[in-house]
C-alpha atoms as a PDB file:
ATOM      1  CA  MET A   1      -0.014 -30.776 -60.075  1.00  0.00           C
ATOM      2  CA  SER A   2      -2.296 -33.193 -61.888  1.00  0.00           C
ATOM      3  CA  ASN A   3       0.495 -36.545 -62.197  1.00  0.00           C
ATOM      4  CA  GLU A   4       2.667 -37.878 -59.911  1.00  0.00           C
ATOM      5  CA  ILE A   5       6.268 -36.555 -58.485  1.00  0.00           C
ATOM      6  CA  CYS A   6       8.933 -39.287 -58.250  1.00  0.00           C
ATOM      7  CA  THR A   7      11.791 -39.231 -56.368  1.00  0.00           C
ATOM      8  CA  THR A   8      14.320 -41.146 -54.587  1.00  0.00           C
ATOM      9  CA  GLY A   9      15.794 -40.747 -50.705  1.00  0.00           C
ATOM     10  CA  ARG A  10      18.400 -42.474 -49.127  1.00  0.00           C
ATOM     11  CA  ARG A  11      20.351 -42.733 -46.050  1.00  0.00           C
ATOM     12  CA  LYS A  12      22.670 -45.752 -44.708  1.00  0.00           C
ATOM     13  CA  SER A  13      21.605 -49.159 -46.248  1.00  0.00           C
ATOM     14  CA  ALA A  14      17.638 -47.541 -46.643  1.00  0.00           C
ATOM     15  CA  SER A  15      16.413 -46.461 -49.908  1.00  0.00           C
ATOM     16  CA  ALA A  16      12.524 -45.030 -50.063  1.00  0.00           C
ATOM     17  CA  SER A  17      10.987 -44.396 -53.534  1.00  0.00           C
ATOM     18  CA  VAL A  18       8.661 -41.587 -53.222  1.00  0.00           C
ATOM     19  CA  ARG A  19       5.957 -40.706 -54.916  1.00  0.00           C
ATOM     20  CA  LEU A  20       3.769 -37.001 -54.087  1.00  0.00           C
ATOM     21  CA  SER A  21       0.846 -36.035 -55.219  1.00  0.00           C
ATOM     22  CA  GLU A  22      -1.816 -33.549 -54.654  1.00  0.00           C
ATOM     23  CA  GLY A  23      -4.297 -34.899 -51.675  1.00  0.00           C
ATOM     24  CA  THR A  24      -5.444 -34.863 -48.269  1.00  0.00           C
ATOM     25  CA  GLY A  25      -1.977 -35.320 -46.184  1.00  0.00           C
ATOM     26  CA  LYS A  26      -2.517 -38.664 -46.866  1.00  0.00           C
ATOM     27  CA  ILE A  27       1.364 -41.373 -46.164  1.00  0.00           C
ATOM     28  CA  VAL A  28       1.501 -44.693 -47.234  1.00  0.00           C
ATOM     29  CA  VAL A  29       4.384 -46.684 -46.390  1.00  0.00           C
ATOM     30  CA  ASN A  30       4.715 -50.290 -47.945  1.00  0.00           C
ATOM     31  CA  GLY A  31       1.269 -50.099 -48.232  1.00  0.00           C
ATOM     32  CA  VAL A  32       0.398 -49.886 -44.732  1.00  0.00           C
ATOM     33  CA  GLU A  33      -0.788 -46.444 -43.179  1.00  0.00           C
ATOM     34  CA  PHE A  34       2.383 -44.107 -42.100  1.00  0.00           C
ATOM     35  CA  GLU A  35       1.425 -44.481 -38.081  1.00  0.00           C
ATOM     36  CA  LYS A  36       1.009 -48.731 -38.044  1.00  0.00           C
ATOM     37  CA  TYR A  37       4.394 -48.294 -40.143  1.00  0.00           C
ATOM     38  CA  PHE A  38       6.370 -45.698 -37.823  1.00  0.00           C
ATOM     39  CA  GLN A  39       5.334 -46.576 -34.034  1.00  0.00           C
ATOM     40  CA  THR A  40       7.323 -43.536 -32.492  1.00  0.00           C
ATOM     41  CA  GLU A  41       6.151 -40.365 -32.391  1.00  0.00           C
ATOM     42  CA  ALA A  42      10.168 -39.057 -32.768  1.00  0.00           C
ATOM     43  CA  LEU A  43      10.313 -40.905 -36.157  1.00  0.00           C
ATOM     44  CA  ARG A  44       7.027 -39.708 -37.409  1.00  0.00           C
ATOM     45  CA  GLY A  45       8.147 -35.884 -36.405  1.00  0.00           C
ATOM     46  CA  TYR A  46      11.510 -36.155 -38.109  1.00  0.00           C
ATOM     47  CA  ILE A  47       9.916 -38.129 -41.499  1.00  0.00           C
ATOM     48  CA  CYS A  48       7.248 -34.980 -41.508  1.00  0.00           C
ATOM     49  CA  GLN A  49       9.854 -32.253 -40.827  1.00  0.00           C
ATOM     50  CA  PRO A  50      10.004 -31.471 -44.562  1.00  0.00           C
ATOM     51  CA  LEU A  51       5.993 -30.781 -44.564  1.00  0.00           C
ATOM     52  CA  ALA A  52       6.019 -28.816 -41.533  1.00  0.00           C
ATOM     53  CA  ALA A  53       9.053 -26.337 -42.630  1.00  0.00           C
ATOM     54  CA  THR A  54       7.316 -25.515 -46.158  1.00  0.00           C
ATOM     55  CA  GLY A  55       3.941 -25.319 -45.597  1.00  0.00           C
ATOM     56  CA  TYR A  56       2.323 -28.854 -47.439  1.00  0.00           C
ATOM     57  CA  THR A  57       1.186 -30.478 -44.253  1.00  0.00           C
ATOM     58  CA  GLY A  58      -2.294 -31.925 -45.598  1.00  0.00           C
ATOM     59  CA  LYS A  59      -1.923 -30.540 -49.176  1.00  0.00           C
ATOM     60  CA  VAL A  60       0.216 -33.967 -50.272  1.00  0.00           C
ATOM     61  CA  ASN A  61      -0.610 -37.227 -50.209  1.00  0.00           C
ATOM     62  CA  VAL A  62       2.916 -39.382 -49.881  1.00  0.00           C
ATOM     63  CA  ARG A  63       3.047 -43.041 -51.102  1.00  0.00           C
ATOM     64  CA  ALA A  64       6.423 -44.671 -50.233  1.00  0.00           C
ATOM     65  CA  ASN A  65       7.837 -48.369 -51.123  1.00  0.00           C
ATOM     66  CA  ILE A  66      11.288 -47.866 -48.650  1.00  0.00           C
ATOM     67  CA  LEU A  67      13.826 -51.145 -49.138  1.00  0.00           C
ATOM     68  CA  GLY A  68      16.670 -52.444 -46.864  1.00  0.00           C
ATOM     69  CA  GLY A  69      17.817 -50.654 -43.236  1.00  0.00           C
ATOM     70  CA  GLY A  70      16.343 -50.758 -40.087  1.00  0.00           C
ATOM     71  CA  LYS A  71      13.227 -48.386 -38.680  1.00  0.00           C
ATOM     72  CA  ALA A  72      15.652 -45.202 -37.962  1.00  0.00           C
ATOM     73  CA  GLY A  73      17.870 -45.284 -41.301  1.00  0.00           C
ATOM     74  CA  GLN A  74      14.242 -45.920 -43.701  1.00  0.00           C
ATOM     75  CA  ALA A  75      13.118 -42.793 -41.587  1.00  0.00           C
ATOM     76  CA  GLY A  76      15.885 -40.861 -42.898  1.00  0.00           C
ATOM     77  CA  ALA A  77      15.854 -41.857 -46.382  1.00  0.00           C
ATOM     78  CA  LEU A  78      11.708 -41.157 -45.994  1.00  0.00           C
ATOM     79  CA  ARG A  79      12.405 -37.642 -45.457  1.00  0.00           C
ATOM     80  CA  HIS A  80      15.345 -37.760 -47.750  1.00  0.00           C
ATOM     81  CA  GLY A  81      12.621 -38.347 -50.425  1.00  0.00           C
ATOM     82  CA  ILE A  82      10.404 -36.391 -49.309  1.00  0.00           C
ATOM     83  CA  ALA A  83      12.462 -32.840 -49.703  1.00  0.00           C
ATOM     84  CA  ARG A  84      13.557 -33.896 -53.237  1.00  0.00           C
ATOM     85  CA  ALA A  85       9.774 -34.368 -54.237  1.00  0.00           C
ATOM     86  CA  LEU A  86       9.139 -31.329 -52.741  1.00  0.00           C
ATOM     87  CA  LEU A  87      11.550 -29.023 -54.448  1.00  0.00           C
ATOM     88  CA  VAL A  88      10.352 -30.531 -57.902  1.00  0.00           C
ATOM     89  CA  LEU A  89       7.033 -30.147 -56.659  1.00  0.00           C
ATOM     90  CA  ASP A  90       8.223 -25.613 -55.649  1.00  0.00           C
ATOM     91  CA  GLU A  91      11.619 -24.381 -56.558  1.00  0.00           C
ATOM     92  CA  ASN A  92      10.764 -21.863 -53.571  1.00  0.00           C
ATOM     93  CA  THR A  93      10.707 -24.581 -51.177  1.00  0.00           C
ATOM     94  CA  LYS A  94      14.606 -24.787 -51.907  1.00  0.00           C
ATOM     95  CA  GLN A  95      16.267 -21.970 -49.230  1.00  0.00           C
ATOM     96  CA  VAL A  96      13.577 -23.521 -46.458  1.00  0.00           C
ATOM     97  CA  LEU A  97      14.516 -27.122 -47.205  1.00  0.00           C
ATOM     98  CA  LYS A  98      18.485 -26.147 -47.261  1.00  0.00           C
ATOM     99  CA  ASP A  99      19.116 -24.619 -44.496  1.00  0.00           C
ATOM    100  CA  ASN A 100      17.500 -27.265 -42.307  1.00  0.00           C
ATOM    101  CA  GLY A 101      19.537 -29.147 -43.979  1.00  0.00           C
ATOM    102  CA  MET A 102      17.081 -32.244 -45.432  1.00  0.00           C
ATOM    103  CA  LEU A 103      18.569 -31.927 -49.424  1.00  0.00           C
ATOM    104  CA  THR A 104      21.919 -33.156 -47.754  1.00  0.00           C
ATOM    105  CA  ARG A 105      21.718 -36.975 -48.587  1.00  0.00           C
ATOM    106  CA  ASP A 106      23.764 -38.532 -44.741  1.00  0.00           C
ATOM    107  CA  SER A 107      26.162 -40.721 -46.283  1.00  0.00           C
ATOM    108  CA  ARG A 108      27.368 -42.372 -42.992  1.00  0.00           C
ATOM    109  CA  GLU A 109      27.432 -46.032 -43.108  1.00  0.00           C
ATOM    110  CA  LYS A 110      28.262 -49.114 -40.912  1.00  0.00           C
ATOM    111  CA  GLU A 111      32.076 -49.706 -40.707  1.00  0.00           C
ATOM    112  CA  ARG A 112      33.630 -52.804 -42.405  1.00  0.00           C
ATOM    113  CA  LYS A 113      34.815 -55.381 -39.455  1.00  0.00           C
ATOM    114  CA  LYS A 114      38.452 -55.606 -40.210  1.00  0.00           C
ATOM    115  CA  PRO A 115      40.013 -59.214 -39.818  1.00  0.00           C
ATOM    116  CA  GLY A 116      41.806 -60.107 -36.491  1.00  0.00           C
ATOM    117  CA  GLN A 117      39.138 -58.027 -34.379  1.00  0.00           C
ATOM    118  CA  PRO A 118      36.425 -58.402 -32.957  1.00  0.00           C
ATOM    119  CA  GLY A 119      34.444 -55.379 -34.330  1.00  0.00           C
ATOM    120  CA  ALA A 120      35.289 -52.570 -36.613  1.00  0.00           C
ATOM    121  CA  ARG A 121      37.542 -50.488 -34.633  1.00  0.00           C
ATOM    122  CA  ARG A 122      36.889 -53.022 -31.570  1.00  0.00           C
ATOM    123  CA  ARG A 123      40.210 -54.331 -30.782  1.00  0.00           C
ATOM    124  CA  PHE A 124      41.036 -58.044 -28.363  1.00  0.00           C
ATOM    125  CA  GLN A 125      42.236 -57.224 -24.699  1.00  0.00           C
ATOM    126  CA  PHE A 126      45.768 -56.333 -24.835  1.00  0.00           C
ATOM    127  CA  SER A 127      47.761 -58.610 -22.133  1.00  0.00           C
ATOM    128  CA  LYS A 128      51.331 -57.840 -21.728  1.00  0.00           C
ATOM    129  CA  ARG A 129      52.122 -61.116 -19.796  1.00  0.00           C
END
């Protein structure tokens, strides 16, 4: 693999543009080190799941630009993008990634607020009298 593999991952309103290349396992997000960008161990572990499941931890470098959403949505988008890039890199990883649900885009979005009520589903308190 001499060139980069470019894929896109999405989750909620976050979109991650992922570039995968041969390397030592370095992950850079928006020009910042992975550990500084995602400070919680839970999010870091979640993002590294596709690499760990396929055995590519420490073998590929990941560069990503993420737009929109919060940290959790961005982590999901990055995980999705990495999984799709690994699929392009090695077709044999498809079954492992699919069985763990990493290739499926989590399409749950925030529901819009409706008029005449305080939230998407929440209603104002009912008073009979």
